[in-house]
Protein backbone atom coordinates (compact mmCIF):
# COMPACT_ATOMS: atom_id res chain seq x y z
CA UNK A 1 69.00 42.80 -9.31
CA UNK A 2 67.52 46.28 -9.84
CA UNK A 3 65.73 44.98 -13.09
CA UNK A 4 64.25 41.94 -11.45
CA UNK A 5 63.09 43.76 -7.76
CA UNK A 6 61.18 46.22 -10.10
CA UNK A 7 59.32 43.73 -11.89
CA UNK A 8 58.63 41.66 -9.06
CA UNK A 9 57.40 45.03 -7.59
CA UNK A 10 55.75 46.40 -10.56
CA UNK A 11 52.48 46.99 -8.96
CA UNK A 12 53.83 49.21 -6.06
CA UNK A 13 55.44 52.75 -7.55
CA UNK A 14 53.45 55.09 -9.11
CA UNK A 15 53.32 58.08 -11.76
CA UNK A 16 56.03 59.85 -9.36
CA UNK A 17 58.72 57.00 -10.05
CA UNK A 18 58.94 57.98 -13.76
CA UNK A 19 62.01 60.39 -13.39
CA UNK A 20 63.78 57.34 -11.44
CA UNK A 21 62.91 55.38 -14.56
CA UNK A 22 64.22 57.39 -16.64
CA UNK A 23 67.37 57.60 -14.92
CA UNK A 24 67.49 54.08 -15.03
CA UNK A 25 66.86 53.72 -18.71
CA UNK A 26 69.19 56.62 -19.85
CA UNK A 27 72.13 55.60 -17.53
CA UNK A 28 74.51 53.20 -18.48
CA UNK A 29 72.26 51.97 -21.02
CA UNK A 30 71.94 48.55 -23.03
CA UNK A 31 69.62 46.34 -24.13
CA UNK A 32 69.46 43.71 -21.88
CA UNK A 33 68.37 46.02 -19.13
CA UNK A 34 66.48 48.70 -20.86
CA UNK A 35 64.27 45.63 -22.36
CA UNK A 36 63.31 44.33 -19.40
CA UNK A 37 62.29 48.06 -17.83
CA UNK A 38 60.27 48.81 -21.42
CA UNK A 39 58.58 45.25 -21.73
CA UNK A 40 58.12 43.82 -17.63
CA UNK A 41 58.26 47.32 -15.99
CA UNK A 42 57.44 50.54 -17.77
CA UNK A 43 54.43 48.68 -19.72
CA UNK A 44 52.57 47.70 -16.38
CA UNK A 45 53.28 51.13 -14.80
CA UNK A 46 51.55 52.93 -17.63
CA UNK A 47 48.83 50.42 -18.06
CA UNK A 48 48.37 50.72 -14.43
CA UNK A 49 48.73 54.65 -14.47
CA UNK A 50 46.91 55.83 -18.00
CA UNK A 51 47.95 59.19 -17.74
CA UNK A 52 51.29 58.25 -18.26
CA UNK A 53 50.69 57.81 -21.67
CA UNK A 54 51.70 61.01 -22.51
CA UNK A 55 55.06 60.23 -20.90
CA UNK A 56 55.38 57.56 -23.83
CA UNK A 57 54.28 59.86 -26.34
CA UNK A 58 57.29 62.48 -25.29
CA UNK A 59 59.89 59.48 -24.90
CA UNK A 60 58.68 58.10 -28.68
CA UNK A 61 60.02 61.46 -29.82
CA UNK A 62 63.19 61.95 -27.53
CA UNK A 63 66.68 62.18 -28.91
CA UNK A 64 67.61 59.40 -26.53
CA UNK A 65 67.35 56.53 -28.54
CA UNK A 66 66.81 54.16 -25.39
CA UNK A 67 63.44 56.33 -24.55
CA UNK A 68 62.73 55.92 -27.70
CA UNK A 69 62.74 51.96 -27.85
CA UNK A 70 61.36 51.98 -24.56
CA UNK A 71 57.95 53.76 -25.76
CA UNK A 72 57.88 51.49 -28.66
CA UNK A 73 58.27 48.25 -26.52
CA UNK A 74 56.29 49.19 -23.26
CA UNK A 75 53.28 47.67 -24.56
CA UNK A 76 54.85 44.41 -25.55
CA UNK A 77 52.46 42.19 -23.77
CA UNK A 78 49.50 44.05 -23.70
CA UNK A 79 47.97 42.02 -26.28
CA UNK A 80 44.29 43.03 -27.22
CA UNK A 81 44.27 46.11 -25.06
CA UNK A 82 47.43 47.38 -27.22
CA UNK A 83 46.60 51.30 -28.34
CA UNK A 84 47.27 50.37 -31.63
CA UNK A 85 47.01 54.03 -32.80
CA UNK A 86 50.23 54.76 -30.39
CA UNK A 87 52.24 51.99 -31.76
CA UNK A 88 51.75 52.60 -35.30
CA UNK A 89 52.33 56.17 -34.74
CA UNK A 90 55.72 55.77 -32.77
CA UNK A 91 56.56 53.09 -35.40
CA UNK A 92 56.09 55.42 -38.30
CA UNK A 93 57.53 58.17 -36.59
CA UNK A 94 60.64 56.40 -36.01
CA UNK A 95 60.61 53.98 -39.03
CA UNK A 96 64.02 55.91 -40.32
CA UNK A 97 65.83 56.11 -37.10
CA UNK A 98 69.78 55.37 -37.56
CA UNK A 99 69.85 53.06 -34.71
CA UNK A 100 69.70 49.72 -34.67
CA UNK A 101 68.19 49.12 -31.43
CA UNK A 102 65.31 51.39 -32.60
CA UNK A 103 64.67 49.82 -36.14
CA UNK A 104 64.98 46.37 -34.19
CA UNK A 105 62.30 47.47 -31.48
CA UNK A 106 60.04 48.74 -34.30
CA UNK A 107 59.98 45.32 -36.08
CA UNK A 108 60.08 43.33 -32.58
CA UNK A 109 56.56 45.30 -30.99
CA UNK A 110 54.89 44.74 -34.89
CA UNK A 111 55.97 41.23 -34.83
CA UNK A 112 54.36 40.47 -31.18
CA UNK A 113 51.14 42.72 -32.24
CA UNK A 114 50.70 40.41 -35.22
CA UNK A 115 49.92 37.60 -32.39
CA UNK A 116 46.87 39.43 -31.89
CA UNK A 117 46.32 41.00 -35.22
CA UNK A 118 48.14 39.78 -37.98
CA UNK A 119 46.27 41.71 -40.53
CA UNK A 120 46.76 45.02 -38.70
CA UNK A 121 50.25 44.28 -38.91
CA UNK A 122 50.57 43.21 -42.59
CA UNK A 123 48.51 46.41 -43.73
CA UNK A 124 50.97 48.55 -41.25
CA UNK A 125 54.00 47.09 -43.18
CA UNK A 126 52.92 47.22 -46.57
CA UNK A 127 51.44 50.57 -46.31
CA UNK A 128 54.99 51.94 -44.85
CA UNK A 129 57.41 49.44 -46.11
CA UNK A 130 59.30 52.15 -48.21
CA UNK A 131 60.18 54.07 -44.93
CA UNK A 132 60.56 51.04 -42.80
CA UNK A 133 64.08 49.38 -42.60
CA UNK A 134 64.39 46.06 -43.94
CA UNK A 135 65.30 45.00 -40.52
CA UNK A 136 62.15 46.20 -39.09
CA UNK A 137 60.05 44.80 -42.07
CA UNK A 138 61.96 41.41 -41.57
CA UNK A 139 61.46 41.12 -38.06
CA UNK A 140 57.85 42.12 -38.23
CA UNK A 141 56.88 39.78 -40.90
CA UNK A 142 58.95 37.09 -39.45
CA UNK A 143 55.77 34.81 -38.27
CA UNK A 144 53.18 35.88 -41.18
């Protein structure tokens, strides 16, 4: 219910909500709540408050896999407004991550961005195929 409420009222919180968001993501984490918070709430929050990209930069290298997943997925619905430098940078930095959920997020984020720029995703995957997991590559290339 809390995730649905936040998504419905995504335009209300400001940057001061980040500590609460972090707590929601890291407390009793699982993909079903983290993914909603990452793709439907965090993305909107960062889009409205561009200074928060530095928080995503921090989260993308955090020890908590759910924060890493959130950073990778937060731009999922940005389409042409995606900051490809960040998307590809996060994916490259976490390519060898030990956790399934991070590797899956990499593939999902790349697959979604391929709807906007398939050539860029193909080029990224080809350039990083040796460091990306098989799961990330399969997910990224699923519709290409």
